[in-house]
Amino acid sequence: MKRKSLKAAAVAAVAGGLLFAGIQPAQAAQAVYHYESLGTCSQAAGRYAQSAAIEQYCTVDTYINGVPYRWRLMVNF
């Protein structure tokens, strides 16, 4: 009986250690979309916000000659 309780305690310690180590359970699917205008990205974000969680809202992804060229939208479903 004592051996079973030691094994259970060891399993609980390992499981607790994994949680504190930052290992998280499976998360929702994430999608990354790219747009060539901020207006288009904002419209898409509005549509996705109705059914999903916006992870990162219309962030400049690419610059050309110091001018924003492409925006990134990250969505969790």
C-alpha atoms as a PDB file:
ATOM      1  CA  MET A   1       0.000   0.000   0.000  1.00  0.00           C
ATOM      2  CA  LYS A   2       2.828   2.357   0.848  1.00  0.00           C
ATOM      3  CA  ARG A   3       4.445   1.724  -2.540  1.00  0.00           C
ATOM      4  CA  LYS A   4       1.239   2.792  -4.368  1.00  0.00           C
ATOM      5  CA  SER A   5       1.015   6.039  -2.400  1.00  0.00           C
ATOM      6  CA  LEU A   6       4.677   6.826  -3.177  1.00  0.00           C
ATOM      7  CA  LYS A   7       4.051   6.177  -6.861  1.00  0.00           C
ATOM      8  CA  ALA A   8       0.954   8.401  -6.835  1.00  0.00           C
ATOM      9  CA  ALA A   9       2.908  11.148  -5.072  1.00  0.00           C
ATOM     10  CA  ALA A  10       5.690  10.909  -7.660  1.00  0.00           C
ATOM     11  CA  VAL A  11       3.193  11.102 -10.532  1.00  0.00           C
ATOM     12  CA  ALA A  12       1.523  14.136  -8.948  1.00  0.00           C
ATOM     13  CA  ALA A  13       4.897  15.834  -8.457  1.00  0.00           C
ATOM     14  CA  VAL A  14       5.872  15.296 -12.093  1.00  0.00           C
ATOM     15  CA  ALA A  15       2.484  16.542 -13.328  1.00  0.00           C
ATOM     16  CA  GLY A  16       2.735  19.604 -11.090  1.00  0.00           C
ATOM     17  CA  GLY A  17       6.255  20.275 -12.281  1.00  0.00           C
ATOM     18  CA  LEU A  18       5.136  20.182 -15.914  1.00  0.00           C
ATOM     19  CA  LEU A  19       2.424  22.737 -15.217  1.00  0.00           C
ATOM     20  CA  PHE A  20       4.883  25.094 -13.529  1.00  0.00           C
ATOM     21  CA  ALA A  21       7.428  24.573 -16.321  1.00  0.00           C
ATOM     22  CA  GLY A  22       5.075  26.346 -18.709  1.00  0.00           C
ATOM     23  CA  ILE A  23       3.833  23.353 -20.655  1.00  0.00           C
ATOM     24  CA  GLN A  24       0.241  24.121 -21.476  1.00  0.00           C
ATOM     25  CA  PRO A  25      -2.583  21.942 -22.724  1.00  0.00           C
ATOM     26  CA  ALA A  26      -3.447  21.998 -26.419  1.00  0.00           C
ATOM     27  CA  GLN A  27      -4.707  25.357 -27.611  1.00  0.00           C
ATOM     28  CA  ALA A  28      -7.153  26.424 -30.272  1.00  0.00           C
ATOM     29  CA  ALA A  29      -6.001  26.558 -33.876  1.00  0.00           C
ATOM     30  CA  GLN A  30      -4.242  29.757 -34.856  1.00  0.00           C
ATOM     31  CA  ALA A  31      -4.297  31.303 -38.311  1.00  0.00           C
ATOM     32  CA  VAL A  32      -2.153  34.128 -39.692  1.00  0.00           C
ATOM     33  CA  TYR A  33      -3.487  36.298 -42.504  1.00  0.00           C
ATOM     34  CA  HIS A  34      -1.618  38.955 -44.498  1.00  0.00           C
ATOM     35  CA  TYR A  35      -3.157  42.025 -46.168  1.00  0.00           C
ATOM     36  CA  GLU A  36      -1.708  44.734 -48.376  1.00  0.00           C
ATOM     37  CA  SER A  37      -3.847  47.530 -46.911  1.00  0.00           C
ATOM     38  CA  LEU A  38      -4.730  48.478 -43.365  1.00  0.00           C
ATOM     39  CA  GLY A  39      -8.359  49.029 -44.349  1.00  0.00           C
ATOM     40  CA  THR A  40      -8.741  45.499 -45.702  1.00  0.00           C
ATOM     41  CA  CYS A  41      -7.044  44.063 -42.618  1.00  0.00           C
ATOM     42  CA  SER A  42      -9.371  46.027 -40.316  1.00  0.00           C
ATOM     43  CA  GLN A  43     -12.449  44.806 -42.189  1.00  0.00           C
ATOM     44  CA  ALA A  44     -11.265  41.206 -41.953  1.00  0.00           C
ATOM     45  CA  ALA A  45     -10.560  41.635 -38.227  1.00  0.00           C
ATOM     46  CA  GLY A  46     -14.125  42.843 -37.741  1.00  0.00           C
ATOM     47  CA  ARG A  47     -15.486  39.760 -39.492  1.00  0.00           C
ATOM     48  CA  TYR A  48     -13.237  37.322 -37.600  1.00  0.00           C
ATOM     49  CA  ALA A  49     -13.981  38.984 -34.251  1.00  0.00           C
ATOM     50  CA  GLN A  50     -17.599  37.829 -34.553  1.00  0.00           C
ATOM     51  CA  SER A  51     -16.637  34.156 -34.403  1.00  0.00           C
ATOM     52  CA  ALA A  52     -13.030  33.962 -33.141  1.00  0.00           C
ATOM     53  CA  ALA A  53     -10.530  35.645 -30.839  1.00  0.00           C
ATOM     54  CA  ILE A  54      -8.120  38.173 -32.340  1.00  0.00           C
ATOM     55  CA  GLU A  55      -4.629  37.283 -31.111  1.00  0.00           C
ATOM     56  CA  GLN A  56      -2.796  40.156 -32.821  1.00  0.00           C
ATOM     57  CA  TYR A  57      -4.630  42.997 -34.526  1.00  0.00           C
ATOM     58  CA  CYS A  58      -3.327  44.333 -37.882  1.00  0.00           C
ATOM     59  CA  THR A  59       0.372  44.719 -37.113  1.00  0.00           C
ATOM     60  CA  VAL A  60       2.766  45.947 -39.793  1.00  0.00           C
ATOM     61  CA  ASP A  61       4.619  42.894 -41.041  1.00  0.00           C
ATOM     62  CA  THR A  62       6.725  44.318 -43.896  1.00  0.00           C
ATOM     63  CA  TYR A  63       8.141  47.728 -44.733  1.00  0.00           C
ATOM     64  CA  ILE A  64       9.436  48.840 -48.134  1.00  0.00           C
ATOM     65  CA  ASN A  65      11.611  51.973 -48.071  1.00  0.00           C
ATOM     66  CA  GLY A  66      10.285  52.744 -44.579  1.00  0.00           C
ATOM     67  CA  VAL A  67       6.648  52.589 -45.683  1.00  0.00           C
ATOM     68  CA  PRO A  68       4.287  49.908 -44.318  1.00  0.00           C
ATOM     69  CA  TYR A  69       3.583  47.407 -47.080  1.00  0.00           C
ATOM     70  CA  ARG A  70       1.929  44.382 -45.479  1.00  0.00           C
ATOM     71  CA  TRP A  71      -0.201  43.887 -42.346  1.00  0.00           C
ATOM     72  CA  ARG A  72      -0.546  40.705 -40.309  1.00  0.00           C
ATOM     73  CA  LEU A  73      -3.694  39.535 -38.524  1.00  0.00           C
ATOM     74  CA  MET A  74      -3.478  36.577 -36.117  1.00  0.00           C
ATOM     75  CA  VAL A  75      -6.692  34.793 -35.164  1.00  0.00           C
ATOM     76  CA  ASN A  76      -7.425  31.968 -32.707  1.00  0.00           C
ATOM     77  CA  PHE A  77     -10.352  29.743 -33.633  1.00  0.00           C
END
